[in-house]
Amino acid sequence: MLLTEPILSAFRDRHPGVTVEMCQFNYDDSSAGLTDRSVEVAFVRRPLTTDGVEFETLFTEPRVVMLRRWIPY
């Protein structure tokens, strides 16, 4: 994610006493550790339906799809 470092840098500037430890999660945990409470904050992509989780949109990304060109025989 290209915006991760600028986001973390701004957070560190505003909260110099807070330690940030980054970790990655597999795609099978779309909540990135939020539901099992192994993390307190996560960068996730929506849609994500998890009770008890609040979201703050940091930015939006354009959505695209790539398809192979269909060539009739």
PDB file of N, CA and C in Angstrom:
ATOM      1  N   MET A   1       0.847  -1.164   0.000  1.00  0.00           N
ATOM      2  CA  MET A   1       0.000   0.000   0.000  1.00  0.00           C
ATOM      3  C   MET A   1       0.902   1.240   0.000  1.00  0.00           C
ATOM      4  N   LEU A   2       0.781   2.023  -1.009  1.00  0.00           N
ATOM      5  CA  LEU A   2       1.641   3.180  -1.177  1.00  0.00           C
ATOM      6  C   LEU A   2       1.421   4.260  -0.128  1.00  0.00           C
ATOM      7  N   LEU A   3       0.259   4.300   0.464  1.00  0.00           N
ATOM      8  CA  LEU A   3      -0.053   5.360   1.420  1.00  0.00           C
ATOM      9  C   LEU A   3       0.250   4.985   2.863  1.00  0.00           C
ATOM     10  N   THR A   4       0.669   3.757   3.110  1.00  0.00           N
ATOM     11  CA  THR A   4       0.902   3.321   4.481  1.00  0.00           C
ATOM     12  C   THR A   4       1.942   4.174   5.182  1.00  0.00           C
ATOM     13  N   GLU A   5       3.083   4.388   4.566  1.00  0.00           N
ATOM     14  CA  GLU A   5       4.147   5.147   5.223  1.00  0.00           C
ATOM     15  C   GLU A   5       3.758   6.597   5.508  1.00  0.00           C
ATOM     16  N   PRO A   6       3.139   7.332   4.567  1.00  0.00           N
ATOM     17  CA  PRO A   6       2.699   8.696   4.909  1.00  0.00           C
ATOM     18  C   PRO A   6       1.667   8.725   6.032  1.00  0.00           C
ATOM     19  N   ILE A   7       0.772   7.746   6.070  1.00  0.00           N
ATOM     20  CA  ILE A   7      -0.227   7.686   7.140  1.00  0.00           C
ATOM     21  C   ILE A   7       0.458   7.449   8.484  1.00  0.00           C
ATOM     22  N   LEU A   8       1.373   6.481   8.519  1.00  0.00           N
ATOM     23  CA  LEU A   8       2.088   6.193   9.769  1.00  0.00           C
ATOM     24  C   LEU A   8       2.970   7.352  10.197  1.00  0.00           C
ATOM     25  N   SER A   9       3.593   8.022   9.253  1.00  0.00           N
ATOM     26  CA  SER A   9       4.428   9.179   9.578  1.00  0.00           C
ATOM     27  C   SER A   9       3.602  10.294  10.210  1.00  0.00           C
ATOM     28  N   ALA A  10       2.435  10.568   9.638  1.00  0.00           N
ATOM     29  CA  ALA A  10       1.556  11.599  10.203  1.00  0.00           C
ATOM     30  C   ALA A  10       1.082  11.192  11.592  1.00  0.00           C
ATOM     31  N   PHE A  11       0.777   9.900  11.779  1.00  0.00           N
ATOM     32  CA  PHE A  11       0.345   9.414  13.093  1.00  0.00           C
ATOM     33  C   PHE A  11       1.467   9.587  14.113  1.00  0.00           C
ATOM     34  N   ARG A  12       2.681   9.226  13.742  1.00  0.00           N
ATOM     35  CA  ARG A  12       3.819   9.354  14.666  1.00  0.00           C
ATOM     36  C   ARG A  12       4.081  10.812  15.035  1.00  0.00           C
ATOM     37  N   ASP A  13       3.906  11.720  14.081  1.00  0.00           N
ATOM     38  CA  ASP A  13       4.079  13.151  14.366  1.00  0.00           C
ATOM     39  C   ASP A  13       3.058  13.628  15.397  1.00  0.00           C
ATOM     40  N   ARG A  14       1.838  13.145  15.301  1.00  0.00           N
ATOM     41  CA  ARG A  14       0.766  13.573  16.211  1.00  0.00           C
ATOM     42  C   ARG A  14       0.786  12.844  17.546  1.00  0.00           C
ATOM     43  N   HIS A  15       1.362  11.639  17.561  1.00  0.00           N
ATOM     44  CA  HIS A  15       1.362  10.815  18.773  1.00  0.00           C
ATOM     45  C   HIS A  15       2.755  10.213  18.997  1.00  0.00           C
ATOM     46  N   PRO A  16       3.733  11.050  19.331  1.00  0.00           N
ATOM     47  CA  PRO A  16       5.114  10.563  19.423  1.00  0.00           C
ATOM     48  C   PRO A  16       5.347   9.516  20.510  1.00  0.00           C
ATOM     49  N   GLY A  17       4.502   9.430  21.503  1.00  0.00           N
ATOM     50  CA  GLY A  17       4.698   8.465  22.570  1.00  0.00           C
ATOM     51  C   GLY A  17       4.094   7.088  22.313  1.00  0.00           C
ATOM     52  N   VAL A  18       3.437   6.918  21.164  1.00  0.00           N
ATOM     53  CA  VAL A  18       2.770   5.656  20.854  1.00  0.00           C
ATOM     54  C   VAL A  18       3.672   4.802  19.976  1.00  0.00           C
ATOM     55  N   THR A  19       3.831   3.538  20.337  1.00  0.00           N
ATOM     56  CA  THR A  19       4.618   2.606  19.541  1.00  0.00           C
ATOM     57  C   THR A  19       3.706   1.908  18.542  1.00  0.00           C
ATOM     58  N   VAL A  20       4.119   1.884  17.288  1.00  0.00           N
ATOM     59  CA  VAL A  20       3.359   1.223  16.235  1.00  0.00           C
ATOM     60  C   VAL A  20       4.138  -0.012  15.803  1.00  0.00           C
ATOM     61  N   GLU A  21       3.470  -1.156  15.857  1.00  0.00           N
ATOM     62  CA  GLU A  21       4.075  -2.412  15.415  1.00  0.00           C
ATOM     63  C   GLU A  21       3.242  -2.952  14.265  1.00  0.00           C
ATOM     64  N   MET A  22       3.849  -3.092  13.098  1.00  0.00           N
ATOM     65  CA  MET A  22       3.140  -3.559  11.915  1.00  0.00           C
ATOM     66  C   MET A  22       3.170  -5.081  11.838  1.00  0.00           C
ATOM     67  N   CYS A  23       2.066  -5.668  11.376  1.00  0.00           N
ATOM     68  CA  CYS A  23       2.009  -7.109  11.111  1.00  0.00           C
ATOM     69  C   CYS A  23       1.070  -7.333   9.937  1.00  0.00           C
ATOM     70  N   GLN A  24       1.247  -8.452   9.260  1.00  0.00           N
ATOM     71  CA  GLN A  24       0.418  -8.786   8.110  1.00  0.00           C
ATOM     72  C   GLN A  24      -0.478  -9.968   8.441  1.00  0.00           C
ATOM     73  N   PHE A  25      -1.622 -10.007   7.778  1.00  0.00           N
ATOM     74  CA  PHE A  25      -2.567 -11.098   7.953  1.00  0.00           C
ATOM     75  C   PHE A  25      -2.877 -11.703   6.599  1.00  0.00           C
ATOM     76  N   ASN A  26      -3.229 -12.968   6.599  1.00  0.00           N
ATOM     77  CA  ASN A  26      -3.609 -13.653   5.366  1.00  0.00           C
ATOM     78  C   ASN A  26      -4.965 -13.157   4.892  1.00  0.00           C
ATOM     79  N   TYR A  27      -5.255 -13.404   3.636  1.00  0.00           N
ATOM     80  CA  TYR A  27      -6.533 -12.980   3.072  1.00  0.00           C
ATOM     81  C   TYR A  27      -7.725 -13.699   3.697  1.00  0.00           C
ATOM     82  N   ASP A  28      -7.494 -14.826   4.362  1.00  0.00           N
ATOM     83  CA  ASP A  28      -8.622 -15.524   4.982  1.00  0.00           C
ATOM     84  C   ASP A  28      -9.104 -14.824   6.253  1.00  0.00           C
ATOM     85  N   ASP A  29      -8.375 -13.814   6.726  1.00  0.00           N
ATOM     86  CA  ASP A  29      -8.822 -12.988   7.858  1.00  0.00           C
ATOM     87  C   ASP A  29      -9.036 -11.574   7.349  1.00  0.00           C
ATOM     88  N   SER A  30     -10.200 -11.332   6.775  1.00  0.00           N
ATOM     89  CA  SER A  30     -10.465 -10.014   6.179  1.00  0.00           C
ATOM     90  C   SER A  30     -10.515  -8.897   7.214  1.00  0.00           C
ATOM     91  N   SER A  31     -10.671  -9.241   8.498  1.00  0.00           N
ATOM     92  CA  SER A  31     -10.698  -8.211   9.543  1.00  0.00           C
ATOM     93  C   SER A  31      -9.293  -7.838   9.995  1.00  0.00           C
ATOM     94  N   ALA A  32      -8.274  -8.538   9.499  1.00  0.00           N
ATOM     95  CA  ALA A  32      -6.868  -8.264   9.833  1.00  0.00           C
ATOM     96  C   ALA A  32      -6.631  -8.258  11.343  1.00  0.00           C
ATOM     97  N   GLY A  33      -7.233  -9.215  12.047  1.00  0.00           N
ATOM     98  CA  GLY A  33      -7.004  -9.348  13.481  1.00  0.00           C
ATOM     99  C   GLY A  33      -7.940  -8.568  14.373  1.00  0.00           C
ATOM    100  N   LEU A  34      -8.857  -7.803  13.798  1.00  0.00           N
ATOM    101  CA  LEU A  34      -9.775  -7.009  14.613  1.00  0.00           C
ATOM    102  C   LEU A  34     -10.798  -7.874  15.341  1.00  0.00           C
ATOM    103  N   THR A  35     -11.326  -8.894  14.663  1.00  0.00           N
ATOM    104  CA  THR A  35     -12.379  -9.696  15.291  1.00  0.00           C
ATOM    105  C   THR A  35     -11.859 -10.543  16.444  1.00  0.00           C
ATOM    106  N   ASP A  36     -10.635 -11.047  16.367  1.00  0.00           N
ATOM    107  CA  ASP A  36     -10.108 -11.835  17.491  1.00  0.00           C
ATOM    108  C   ASP A  36      -9.319 -10.975  18.471  1.00  0.00           C
ATOM    109  N   ARG A  37      -9.330  -9.664  18.231  1.00  0.00           N
ATOM    110  CA  ARG A  37      -8.712  -8.668  19.112  1.00  0.00           C
ATOM    111  C   ARG A  37      -7.199  -8.830  19.255  1.00  0.00           C
ATOM    112  N   SER A  38      -6.568  -9.415  18.226  1.00  0.00           N
ATOM    113  CA  SER A  38      -5.105  -9.508  18.255  1.00  0.00           C
ATOM    114  C   SER A  38      -4.453  -8.194  17.834  1.00  0.00           C
ATOM    115  N   VAL A  39      -5.239  -7.271  17.247  1.00  0.00           N
ATOM    116  CA  VAL A  39      -4.774  -5.921  16.920  1.00  0.00           C
ATOM    117  C   VAL A  39      -5.825  -4.916  17.366  1.00  0.00           C
ATOM    118  N   GLU A  40      -5.410  -3.678  17.529  1.00  0.00           N
ATOM    119  CA  GLU A  40      -6.334  -2.609  17.911  1.00  0.00           C
ATOM    120  C   GLU A  40      -6.742  -1.742  16.731  1.00  0.00           C
ATOM    121  N   VAL A  41      -5.872  -1.667  15.719  1.00  0.00           N
ATOM    122  CA  VAL A  41      -6.117  -0.854  14.530  1.00  0.00           C
ATOM    123  C   VAL A  41      -5.639  -1.644  13.322  1.00  0.00           C
ATOM    124  N   ALA A  42      -6.352  -1.533  12.199  1.00  0.00           N
ATOM    125  CA  ALA A  42      -5.943  -2.260  10.997  1.00  0.00           C
ATOM    126  C   ALA A  42      -6.289  -1.456   9.753  1.00  0.00           C
ATOM    127  N   PHE A  43      -5.463  -1.592   8.735  1.00  0.00           N
ATOM    128  CA  PHE A  43      -5.780  -1.092   7.401  1.00  0.00           C
ATOM    129  C   PHE A  43      -6.495  -2.230   6.690  1.00  0.00           C
ATOM    130  N   VAL A  44      -7.754  -2.029   6.318  1.00  0.00           N
ATOM    131  CA  VAL A  44      -8.531  -3.058   5.641  1.00  0.00           C
ATOM    132  C   VAL A  44      -9.218  -2.456   4.423  1.00  0.00           C
ATOM    133  N   ARG A  45      -9.618  -3.335   3.538  1.00  0.00           N
ATOM    134  CA  ARG A  45     -10.418  -2.913   2.396  1.00  0.00           C
ATOM    135  C   ARG A  45     -11.849  -3.379   2.629  1.00  0.00           C
ATOM    136  N   ARG A  46     -12.773  -2.495   2.320  1.00  0.00           N
ATOM    137  CA  ARG A  46     -14.181  -2.830   2.471  1.00  0.00           C
ATOM    138  C   ARG A  46     -14.687  -3.476   1.200  1.00  0.00           C
ATOM    139  N   PRO A  47     -15.747  -4.230   1.182  1.00  0.00           N
ATOM    140  CA  PRO A  47     -16.698  -4.359   2.276  1.00  0.00           C
ATOM    141  C   PRO A  47     -16.201  -5.336   3.334  1.00  0.00           C
ATOM    142  N   LEU A  48     -16.429  -4.988   4.542  1.00  0.00           N
ATOM    143  CA  LEU A  48     -16.084  -5.824   5.682  1.00  0.00           C
ATOM    144  C   LEU A  48     -17.233  -5.707   6.664  1.00  0.00           C
ATOM    145  N   THR A  49     -17.828  -6.808   7.005  1.00  0.00           N
ATOM    146  CA  THR A  49     -18.951  -6.786   7.942  1.00  0.00           C
ATOM    147  C   THR A  49     -18.499  -7.425   9.247  1.00  0.00           C
ATOM    148  N   THR A  50     -18.173  -6.608  10.199  1.00  0.00           N
ATOM    149  CA  THR A  50     -17.716  -7.067  11.502  1.00  0.00           C
ATOM    150  C   THR A  50     -18.400  -6.230  12.568  1.00  0.00           C
ATOM    151  N   ASP A  51     -19.153  -6.870  13.434  1.00  0.00           N
ATOM    152  CA  ASP A  51     -19.822  -6.153  14.514  1.00  0.00           C
ATOM    153  C   ASP A  51     -18.792  -5.593  15.485  1.00  0.00           C
ATOM    154  N   GLY A  52     -19.049  -4.418  15.992  1.00  0.00           N
ATOM    155  CA  GLY A  52     -18.194  -3.814  16.999  1.00  0.00           C
ATOM    156  C   GLY A  52     -16.947  -3.147  16.451  1.00  0.00           C
ATOM    157  N   VAL A  53     -16.875  -2.971  15.137  1.00  0.00           N
ATOM    158  CA  VAL A  53     -15.712  -2.334  14.522  1.00  0.00           C
ATOM    159  C   VAL A  53     -16.160  -1.010  13.910  1.00  0.00           C
ATOM    160  N   GLU A  54     -15.436   0.049  14.211  1.00  0.00           N
ATOM    161  CA  GLU A  54     -15.711   1.354  13.617  1.00  0.00           C
ATOM    162  C   GLU A  54     -14.729   1.593  12.480  1.00  0.00           C
ATOM    163  N   PHE A  55     -15.183   2.261  11.413  1.00  0.00           N
ATOM    164  CA  PHE A  55     -14.353   2.517  10.241  1.00  0.00           C
ATOM    165  C   PHE A  55     -14.103   3.998  10.075  1.00  0.00           C
ATOM    166  N   GLU A  56     -12.933   4.328   9.610  1.00  0.00           N
ATOM    167  CA  GLU A  56     -12.567   5.686   9.210  1.00  0.00           C
ATOM    168  C   GLU A  56     -11.975   5.561   7.814  1.00  0.00           C
ATOM    169  N   THR A  57     -12.632   6.144   6.816  1.00  0.00           N
ATOM    170  CA  THR A  57     -12.134   6.063   5.449  1.00  0.00           C
ATOM    171  C   THR A  57     -10.946   6.996   5.299  1.00  0.00           C
ATOM    172  N   LEU A  58      -9.809   6.443   4.900  1.00  0.00           N
ATOM    173  CA  LEU A  58      -8.593   7.223   4.714  1.00  0.00           C
ATOM    174  C   LEU A  58      -8.449   7.693   3.276  1.00  0.00           C
ATOM    175  N   PHE A  59      -8.880   6.871   2.338  1.00  0.00           N
ATOM    176  CA  PHE A  59      -8.829   7.221   0.925  1.00  0.00           C
ATOM    177  C   PHE A  59      -9.677   6.224   0.160  1.00  0.00           C
ATOM    178  N   THR A  60      -9.972   6.531  -1.090  1.00  0.00           N
ATOM    179  CA  THR A  60     -10.703   5.605  -1.949  1.00  0.00           C
ATOM    180  C   THR A  60      -9.835   5.254  -3.143  1.00  0.00           C
ATOM    181  N   GLU A  61     -10.036   4.072  -3.654  1.00  0.00           N
ATOM    182  CA  GLU A  61      -9.277   3.592  -4.803  1.00  0.00           C
ATOM    183  C   GLU A  61     -10.230   3.326  -5.957  1.00  0.00           C
ATOM    184  N   PRO A  62      -9.779   3.589  -7.172  1.00  0.00           N
ATOM    185  CA  PRO A  62     -10.626   3.206  -8.304  1.00  0.00           C
ATOM    186  C   PRO A  62     -10.657   1.682  -8.431  1.00  0.00           C
ATOM    187  N   ARG A  63     -11.783   1.163  -8.848  1.00  0.00           N
ATOM    188  CA  ARG A  63     -11.923  -0.281  -9.058  1.00  0.00           C
ATOM    189  C   ARG A  63     -11.831  -0.560 -10.553  1.00  0.00           C
ATOM    190  N   VAL A  64     -11.105  -1.568 -10.898  1.00  0.00           N
ATOM    191  CA  VAL A  64     -10.977  -1.964 -12.301  1.00  0.00           C
ATOM    192  C   VAL A  64     -11.125  -3.473 -12.401  1.00  0.00           C
ATOM    193  N   VAL A  65     -11.420  -3.929 -13.598  1.00  0.00           N
ATOM    194  CA  VAL A  65     -11.469  -5.358 -13.868  1.00  0.00           C
ATOM    195  C   VAL A  65     -10.695  -5.605 -15.157  1.00  0.00           C
ATOM    196  N   MET A  66      -9.995  -6.708 -15.200  1.00  0.00           N
ATOM    197  CA  MET A  66      -9.258  -7.082 -16.407  1.00  0.00           C
ATOM    198  C   MET A  66      -9.832  -8.396 -16.920  1.00  0.00           C
ATOM    199  N   LEU A  67     -10.131  -8.426 -18.199  1.00  0.00           N
ATOM    200  CA  LEU A  67     -10.671  -9.617 -18.827  1.00  0.00           C
ATOM    201  C   LEU A  67      -9.859  -9.944 -20.073  1.00  0.00           C
ATOM    202  N   ARG A  68      -9.731 -11.207 -20.328  1.00  0.00           N
ATOM    203  CA  ARG A  68      -9.059 -11.613 -21.546  1.00  0.00           C
ATOM    204  C   ARG A  68      -9.972 -11.313 -22.723  1.00  0.00           C
ATOM    205  N   ARG A  69      -9.402 -10.823 -23.791  1.00  0.00           N
ATOM    206  CA  ARG A  69     -10.188 -10.517 -24.986  1.00  0.00           C
ATOM    207  C   ARG A  69     -10.785 -11.807 -25.541  1.00  0.00           C
ATOM    208  N   TRP A  70     -12.075 -11.738 -25.830  1.00  0.00           N
ATOM    209  CA  TRP A  70     -12.750 -12.897 -26.401  1.00  0.00           C
ATOM    210  C   TRP A  70     -12.532 -12.875 -27.906  1.00  0.00           C
ATOM    211  N   ILE A  71     -11.991 -13.951 -28.426  1.00  0.00           N
ATOM    212  CA  ILE A  71     -11.756 -14.061 -29.870  1.00  0.00           C
ATOM    213  C   ILE A  71     -12.630 -15.197 -30.395  1.00  0.00           C
ATOM    214  N   PRO A  72     -13.591 -14.864 -31.232  1.00  0.00           N
ATOM    215  CA  PRO A  72     -14.455 -15.939 -31.767  1.00  0.00           C
ATOM    216  C   PRO A  72     -13.654 -16.863 -32.699  1.00  0.00           C
ATOM    217  N   TYR A  73     -14.013 -18.134 -32.671  1.00  0.00           N
ATOM    218  CA  TYR A  73     -13.333 -19.105 -33.531  1.00  0.00           C
ATOM    219  C   TYR A  73     -13.944 -19.126 -34.902  1.00  0.00           C
TER     220      TYR A  73
END
